[in-house]
């Protein structure tokens, strides 16, 4: 998981490159293994990332962008397909259960980032055990 801290009023498009740069070495190794095997390494994003700049950045880093245009998810649900966005929303909901993250008490960004990593690790651990 890659994480980057920035202001709440900063658009996600501007953080794509730095977020992908923050991925651990194991994720980069997996991407390179897919590329060596001739397979594409996909990256699913929501419609907020639908821009030429993001697509160029992802292509330069070796990812294939899977960005659903606005309204396509609603049409897919009407056709009987399951929505896939709920996984992200569920994870955000779980992160909101950590009061230290919900209201930022930490003054130093390093401390807040450490707590965010801890919360993500705890959620992952719990899902591996009981998921």
N, C-alpha and C. Protein backbone atom coordinates (compact mmCIF):
# COMPACT_ATOMS: atom_id res chain seq x y z
N UNK A 1 0.85 -1.16 0.00
CA UNK A 1 0.00 0.00 0.00
C UNK A 1 0.89 1.23 0.00
N UNK A 2 0.57 2.16 -0.84
CA UNK A 2 1.30 3.41 -0.89
C UNK A 2 0.48 4.53 -0.28
N UNK A 3 1.12 5.37 0.51
CA UNK A 3 0.43 6.47 1.17
C UNK A 3 1.21 7.76 1.00
N UNK A 4 0.49 8.84 0.79
CA UNK A 4 1.08 10.17 0.70
C UNK A 4 0.18 11.12 1.47
N UNK A 5 0.77 11.97 2.27
CA UNK A 5 -0.01 12.97 3.01
C UNK A 5 0.05 14.31 2.29
N UNK A 6 -1.09 14.97 2.22
CA UNK A 6 -1.16 16.31 1.66
C UNK A 6 -2.42 16.97 2.21
N UNK A 7 -2.60 18.21 1.85
CA UNK A 7 -3.77 18.94 2.34
C UNK A 7 -5.07 18.36 1.84
N UNK A 8 -6.14 18.61 2.57
CA UNK A 8 -7.44 18.06 2.22
C UNK A 8 -7.99 18.67 0.94
N UNK A 9 -7.54 19.85 0.59
CA UNK A 9 -8.07 20.52 -0.60
C UNK A 9 -7.24 20.24 -1.85
N UNK A 10 -6.35 19.29 -1.80
CA UNK A 10 -5.50 18.94 -2.95
C UNK A 10 -6.17 17.84 -3.76
N UNK A 11 -6.26 18.02 -5.07
CA UNK A 11 -6.92 17.02 -5.92
C UNK A 11 -6.06 15.77 -6.03
N UNK A 12 -6.72 14.61 -6.07
CA UNK A 12 -6.01 13.34 -6.11
C UNK A 12 -5.14 13.18 -7.35
N UNK A 13 -5.52 13.80 -8.45
CA UNK A 13 -4.77 13.68 -9.70
C UNK A 13 -3.34 14.15 -9.51
N UNK A 14 -3.14 15.15 -8.68
CA UNK A 14 -1.80 15.69 -8.46
C UNK A 14 -0.94 14.79 -7.59
N UNK A 15 -1.54 13.80 -6.96
CA UNK A 15 -0.81 12.91 -6.06
C UNK A 15 -0.56 11.52 -6.63
N UNK A 16 -0.95 11.28 -7.87
CA UNK A 16 -0.82 9.94 -8.45
C UNK A 16 0.63 9.49 -8.47
N UNK A 17 1.50 10.30 -9.01
CA UNK A 17 2.90 9.91 -9.16
C UNK A 17 3.58 9.69 -7.81
N UNK A 18 3.35 10.58 -6.86
CA UNK A 18 3.98 10.43 -5.54
C UNK A 18 3.40 9.24 -4.78
N UNK A 19 2.12 8.94 -4.97
CA UNK A 19 1.52 7.78 -4.31
C UNK A 19 2.11 6.49 -4.86
N UNK A 20 2.25 6.39 -6.18
CA UNK A 20 2.84 5.20 -6.77
C UNK A 20 4.32 5.08 -6.42
N UNK A 21 5.00 6.20 -6.24
CA UNK A 21 6.40 6.17 -5.84
C UNK A 21 6.56 5.69 -4.40
N UNK A 22 5.52 5.81 -3.59
CA UNK A 22 5.60 5.40 -2.19
C UNK A 22 5.29 3.91 -1.99
N UNK A 23 4.98 3.20 -3.06
CA UNK A 23 4.71 1.76 -2.93
C UNK A 23 5.95 1.03 -2.44
N UNK A 24 5.77 -0.01 -1.65
CA UNK A 24 6.94 -0.77 -1.17
C UNK A 24 7.62 -1.51 -2.31
N UNK A 25 8.87 -1.90 -2.12
CA UNK A 25 9.62 -2.61 -3.17
C UNK A 25 8.94 -3.88 -3.66
N UNK A 26 8.19 -4.57 -2.80
CA UNK A 26 7.52 -5.80 -3.22
C UNK A 26 6.48 -5.52 -4.30
N UNK A 27 5.79 -4.39 -4.21
CA UNK A 27 4.79 -4.03 -5.22
C UNK A 27 5.47 -3.71 -6.55
N UNK A 28 6.62 -3.03 -6.48
CA UNK A 28 7.36 -2.74 -7.70
C UNK A 28 7.89 -4.03 -8.33
N UNK A 29 8.33 -4.97 -7.51
CA UNK A 29 8.82 -6.24 -8.02
C UNK A 29 7.69 -7.02 -8.70
N UNK A 30 6.49 -6.96 -8.13
CA UNK A 30 5.35 -7.65 -8.74
C UNK A 30 5.00 -7.02 -10.08
N UNK A 31 5.03 -5.68 -10.15
CA UNK A 31 4.75 -4.99 -11.41
C UNK A 31 5.77 -5.38 -12.47
N UNK A 32 7.05 -5.42 -12.08
CA UNK A 32 8.11 -5.78 -13.02
C UNK A 32 7.99 -7.23 -13.47
N UNK A 33 7.54 -8.11 -12.58
CA UNK A 33 7.34 -9.51 -12.95
C UNK A 33 6.22 -9.65 -13.97
N UNK A 34 5.15 -8.90 -13.78
CA UNK A 34 4.05 -8.91 -14.76
C UNK A 34 4.56 -8.42 -16.12
N UNK A 35 5.33 -7.35 -16.10
CA UNK A 35 5.85 -6.78 -17.34
C UNK A 35 6.78 -7.77 -18.04
N UNK A 36 7.65 -8.48 -17.28
CA UNK A 36 8.58 -9.45 -17.85
C UNK A 36 7.84 -10.64 -18.46
N UNK A 37 6.69 -10.99 -17.86
CA UNK A 37 5.90 -12.12 -18.37
C UNK A 37 5.01 -11.71 -19.54
N UNK A 38 5.06 -10.45 -19.92
CA UNK A 38 4.25 -9.97 -21.03
C UNK A 38 2.83 -9.65 -20.65
N UNK A 39 2.54 -9.63 -19.36
CA UNK A 39 1.19 -9.32 -18.87
C UNK A 39 1.11 -7.84 -18.51
N UNK A 40 -0.08 -7.33 -18.56
CA UNK A 40 -0.27 -5.94 -18.15
C UNK A 40 -0.52 -5.87 -16.65
N UNK A 41 -0.04 -4.82 -16.04
CA UNK A 41 -0.31 -4.56 -14.63
C UNK A 41 -1.36 -3.47 -14.59
N UNK A 42 -2.59 -3.85 -14.27
CA UNK A 42 -3.69 -2.91 -14.27
C UNK A 42 -3.76 -2.10 -12.99
N UNK A 43 -4.37 -0.93 -13.08
CA UNK A 43 -4.60 -0.08 -11.92
C UNK A 43 -6.00 0.50 -12.06
N UNK A 44 -6.90 0.14 -11.15
CA UNK A 44 -8.28 0.60 -11.20
C UNK A 44 -8.42 1.92 -10.45
N UNK A 45 -9.01 2.89 -11.11
CA UNK A 45 -9.20 4.22 -10.54
C UNK A 45 -10.62 4.69 -10.82
N UNK A 46 -11.09 5.63 -10.01
CA UNK A 46 -12.43 6.15 -10.24
C UNK A 46 -12.39 7.30 -11.24
N UNK A 47 -13.55 7.84 -11.56
CA UNK A 47 -13.66 8.85 -12.62
C UNK A 47 -12.93 10.15 -12.30
N UNK A 48 -12.62 10.39 -11.04
CA UNK A 48 -11.88 11.59 -10.66
C UNK A 48 -10.47 11.61 -11.23
N UNK A 49 -9.96 10.45 -11.62
CA UNK A 49 -8.61 10.35 -12.18
C UNK A 49 -8.62 10.35 -13.70
N UNK A 50 -9.75 10.54 -14.32
CA UNK A 50 -9.86 10.46 -15.78
C UNK A 50 -9.29 11.72 -16.42
N UNK A 51 -7.99 11.69 -16.69
CA UNK A 51 -7.34 12.81 -17.36
C UNK A 51 -6.16 12.28 -18.17
N UNK A 52 -5.77 13.06 -19.15
CA UNK A 52 -4.65 12.68 -20.01
C UNK A 52 -3.36 12.58 -19.21
N UNK A 53 -3.18 13.50 -18.26
CA UNK A 53 -1.98 13.52 -17.44
C UNK A 53 -1.82 12.23 -16.64
N UNK A 54 -2.90 11.76 -16.04
CA UNK A 54 -2.85 10.53 -15.24
C UNK A 54 -2.55 9.33 -16.14
N UNK A 55 -3.21 9.26 -17.28
CA UNK A 55 -2.98 8.13 -18.19
C UNK A 55 -1.53 8.09 -18.67
N UNK A 56 -0.95 9.26 -18.96
CA UNK A 56 0.45 9.31 -19.39
C UNK A 56 1.39 8.90 -18.25
N UNK A 57 1.11 9.35 -17.04
CA UNK A 57 1.93 8.99 -15.89
C UNK A 57 1.90 7.49 -15.65
N UNK A 58 0.70 6.90 -15.70
CA UNK A 58 0.57 5.46 -15.48
C UNK A 58 1.27 4.67 -16.57
N UNK A 59 1.15 5.11 -17.81
CA UNK A 59 1.81 4.41 -18.91
C UNK A 59 3.34 4.47 -18.75
N UNK A 60 3.84 5.62 -18.32
CA UNK A 60 5.29 5.76 -18.13
C UNK A 60 5.80 4.86 -17.00
N UNK A 61 4.96 4.60 -16.01
CA UNK A 61 5.36 3.76 -14.88
C UNK A 61 5.05 2.28 -15.11
N UNK A 62 4.46 1.95 -16.25
CA UNK A 62 4.22 0.55 -16.58
C UNK A 62 2.87 0.01 -16.14
N UNK A 63 1.91 0.86 -15.91
CA UNK A 63 0.57 0.43 -15.51
C UNK A 63 -0.42 0.66 -16.65
N UNK A 64 -1.46 -0.16 -16.68
CA UNK A 64 -2.56 0.04 -17.59
C UNK A 64 -3.73 0.60 -16.79
N UNK A 65 -4.21 1.77 -17.18
CA UNK A 65 -5.27 2.44 -16.43
C UNK A 65 -6.63 1.82 -16.75
N UNK A 66 -7.38 1.52 -15.71
CA UNK A 66 -8.77 1.06 -15.84
C UNK A 66 -9.61 2.10 -15.10
N UNK A 67 -10.11 3.07 -15.85
CA UNK A 67 -10.86 4.18 -15.27
C UNK A 67 -12.27 4.14 -15.84
N UNK A 68 -13.24 3.96 -14.98
CA UNK A 68 -14.63 3.95 -15.44
C UNK A 68 -15.15 5.36 -15.58
N UNK A 69 -15.72 5.67 -16.74
CA UNK A 69 -16.34 7.00 -16.90
C UNK A 69 -17.54 7.17 -15.99
N UNK A 70 -17.90 8.40 -15.74
CA UNK A 70 -19.04 8.68 -14.88
C UNK A 70 -20.31 8.06 -15.48
N UNK A 71 -21.10 7.45 -14.63
CA UNK A 71 -22.37 6.87 -15.06
C UNK A 71 -22.29 5.43 -15.49
N UNK A 72 -21.11 4.95 -15.85
CA UNK A 72 -20.98 3.57 -16.31
C UNK A 72 -21.23 2.58 -15.18
N UNK A 73 -20.84 2.92 -13.95
CA UNK A 73 -21.07 2.04 -12.80
C UNK A 73 -22.57 1.86 -12.56
N UNK A 74 -23.34 2.93 -12.70
CA UNK A 74 -24.78 2.86 -12.49
C UNK A 74 -25.42 1.96 -13.54
N UNK A 75 -24.98 2.09 -14.78
CA UNK A 75 -25.52 1.25 -15.85
C UNK A 75 -25.16 -0.21 -15.63
N UNK A 76 -23.95 -0.48 -15.13
CA UNK A 76 -23.54 -1.86 -14.87
C UNK A 76 -24.38 -2.47 -13.75
N UNK A 77 -24.70 -1.66 -12.72
CA UNK A 77 -25.54 -2.17 -11.63
C UNK A 77 -26.94 -2.47 -12.11
N UNK A 78 -27.47 -1.65 -13.02
CA UNK A 78 -28.81 -1.90 -13.57
C UNK A 78 -28.82 -3.17 -14.41
N UNK A 79 -27.69 -3.51 -15.02
CA UNK A 79 -27.59 -4.71 -15.84
C UNK A 79 -27.37 -5.96 -14.99
N UNK A 80 -27.27 -5.79 -13.67
CA UNK A 80 -27.14 -6.96 -12.80
C UNK A 80 -25.72 -7.23 -12.33
N UNK A 81 -24.76 -6.41 -12.70
CA UNK A 81 -23.39 -6.62 -12.25
C UNK A 81 -23.20 -5.98 -10.88
N UNK A 82 -22.25 -6.54 -10.10
CA UNK A 82 -21.97 -5.99 -8.77
C UNK A 82 -21.07 -4.77 -8.88
N UNK A 83 -21.30 -3.81 -7.98
CA UNK A 83 -20.43 -2.65 -7.90
C UNK A 83 -19.12 -3.06 -7.24
N UNK A 84 -18.02 -2.52 -7.69
CA UNK A 84 -16.71 -2.88 -7.15
C UNK A 84 -16.16 -1.79 -6.23
N UNK A 85 -16.79 -0.64 -6.20
CA UNK A 85 -16.29 0.47 -5.41
C UNK A 85 -16.47 0.26 -3.92
N UNK A 86 -17.36 -0.62 -3.50
CA UNK A 86 -17.65 -0.78 -2.08
C UNK A 86 -16.44 -1.23 -1.29
N UNK A 87 -15.47 -1.89 -1.91
CA UNK A 87 -14.27 -2.34 -1.20
C UNK A 87 -13.50 -1.14 -0.67
N UNK A 88 -13.36 -0.11 -1.49
CA UNK A 88 -12.66 1.10 -1.08
C UNK A 88 -13.45 1.83 0.00
N UNK A 89 -14.74 1.95 -0.20
CA UNK A 89 -15.58 2.65 0.78
C UNK A 89 -15.58 1.93 2.12
N UNK A 90 -15.58 0.61 2.10
CA UNK A 90 -15.55 -0.17 3.34
C UNK A 90 -14.23 0.07 4.08
N UNK A 91 -13.14 0.11 3.34
CA UNK A 91 -11.84 0.36 3.97
C UNK A 91 -11.78 1.74 4.58
N UNK A 92 -12.31 2.75 3.89
CA UNK A 92 -12.37 4.10 4.46
C UNK A 92 -13.20 4.11 5.74
N UNK A 93 -14.28 3.36 5.76
CA UNK A 93 -15.12 3.28 6.95
C UNK A 93 -14.35 2.67 8.11
N UNK A 94 -13.58 1.62 7.83
CA UNK A 94 -12.78 1.00 8.89
C UNK A 94 -11.71 1.95 9.40
N UNK A 95 -11.11 2.71 8.50
CA UNK A 95 -10.09 3.68 8.94
C UNK A 95 -10.71 4.77 9.82
N UNK A 96 -11.96 5.11 9.57
CA UNK A 96 -12.63 6.13 10.38
C UNK A 96 -12.91 5.66 11.79
N UNK A 97 -12.81 4.35 12.05
CA UNK A 97 -13.00 3.85 13.41
C UNK A 97 -11.82 4.16 14.32
N UNK A 98 -10.69 4.53 13.72
CA UNK A 98 -9.52 4.92 14.50
C UNK A 98 -9.64 6.41 14.79
N UNK A 99 -9.98 6.74 16.03
CA UNK A 99 -10.21 8.15 16.37
C UNK A 99 -8.99 9.01 16.13
N UNK A 100 -7.82 8.43 16.28
CA UNK A 100 -6.59 9.19 16.06
C UNK A 100 -6.48 9.65 14.60
N UNK A 101 -7.09 8.90 13.69
CA UNK A 101 -7.05 9.26 12.27
C UNK A 101 -8.23 10.14 11.88
N UNK A 102 -9.37 9.89 12.49
CA UNK A 102 -10.57 10.64 12.13
C UNK A 102 -10.41 12.13 12.40
N UNK A 103 -9.89 12.44 13.56
CA UNK A 103 -9.54 13.82 13.90
C UNK A 103 -8.03 13.83 14.08
N UNK A 104 -7.35 14.61 13.31
CA UNK A 104 -5.89 14.57 13.33
C UNK A 104 -5.37 15.25 14.60
N UNK A 105 -4.91 14.43 15.53
CA UNK A 105 -4.35 14.93 16.78
C UNK A 105 -2.85 15.16 16.64
N UNK A 106 -2.20 14.41 15.80
CA UNK A 106 -0.74 14.50 15.67
C UNK A 106 -0.34 15.81 14.98
N UNK A 107 0.65 16.47 15.53
CA UNK A 107 1.12 17.71 14.93
C UNK A 107 2.14 17.45 13.84
N UNK A 108 2.92 16.40 14.01
CA UNK A 108 3.94 16.06 13.02
C UNK A 108 3.36 15.11 11.97
N UNK A 109 3.61 15.38 10.71
CA UNK A 109 3.08 14.48 9.67
C UNK A 109 3.64 13.06 9.78
N UNK A 110 4.86 12.92 10.27
CA UNK A 110 5.46 11.58 10.40
C UNK A 110 4.67 10.73 11.39
N UNK A 111 4.20 11.34 12.47
CA UNK A 111 3.43 10.60 13.46
C UNK A 111 2.07 10.18 12.91
N UNK A 112 1.43 11.08 12.16
CA UNK A 112 0.14 10.76 11.56
C UNK A 112 0.30 9.65 10.53
N UNK A 113 1.35 9.72 9.72
CA UNK A 113 1.61 8.70 8.71
C UNK A 113 1.88 7.34 9.37
N UNK A 114 2.61 7.34 10.47
CA UNK A 114 2.88 6.10 11.19
C UNK A 114 1.58 5.48 11.71
N UNK A 115 0.69 6.31 12.24
CA UNK A 115 -0.59 5.80 12.73
C UNK A 115 -1.45 5.27 11.58
N UNK A 116 -1.38 5.93 10.45
CA UNK A 116 -2.11 5.47 9.27
C UNK A 116 -1.60 4.11 8.81
N UNK A 117 -0.28 3.93 8.79
CA UNK A 117 0.31 2.63 8.45
C UNK A 117 -0.11 1.57 9.46
N UNK A 118 -0.10 1.93 10.74
CA UNK A 118 -0.50 0.98 11.78
C UNK A 118 -1.96 0.55 11.59
N UNK A 119 -2.83 1.51 11.32
CA UNK A 119 -4.25 1.20 11.13
C UNK A 119 -4.45 0.28 9.93
N UNK A 120 -3.77 0.57 8.83
CA UNK A 120 -3.88 -0.29 7.64
C UNK A 120 -3.35 -1.69 7.92
N UNK A 121 -2.25 -1.78 8.64
CA UNK A 121 -1.70 -3.10 8.98
C UNK A 121 -2.66 -3.87 9.87
N UNK A 122 -3.27 -3.19 10.82
CA UNK A 122 -4.21 -3.86 11.72
C UNK A 122 -5.45 -4.34 10.97
N UNK A 123 -5.95 -3.53 10.06
CA UNK A 123 -7.11 -3.94 9.26
C UNK A 123 -6.76 -5.15 8.40
N UNK A 124 -5.59 -5.13 7.78
CA UNK A 124 -5.15 -6.25 6.94
C UNK A 124 -4.98 -7.51 7.78
N UNK A 125 -4.34 -7.38 8.93
CA UNK A 125 -4.14 -8.53 9.82
C UNK A 125 -5.47 -9.12 10.25
N UNK A 126 -6.40 -8.27 10.63
CA UNK A 126 -7.71 -8.75 11.08
C UNK A 126 -8.44 -9.48 9.95
N UNK A 127 -8.36 -8.92 8.73
CA UNK A 127 -9.04 -9.55 7.60
C UNK A 127 -8.39 -10.89 7.23
N UNK A 128 -7.08 -11.01 7.43
CA UNK A 128 -6.42 -12.29 7.15
C UNK A 128 -6.85 -13.36 8.16
N UNK A 129 -7.04 -12.95 9.40
CA UNK A 129 -7.44 -13.91 10.43
C UNK A 129 -8.91 -14.29 10.35
N UNK A 130 -9.77 -13.29 10.19
CA UNK A 130 -11.21 -13.53 10.32
C UNK A 130 -11.99 -13.27 9.04
N UNK A 131 -11.30 -12.80 7.97
CA UNK A 131 -11.94 -12.35 6.77
C UNK A 131 -12.58 -13.37 5.95
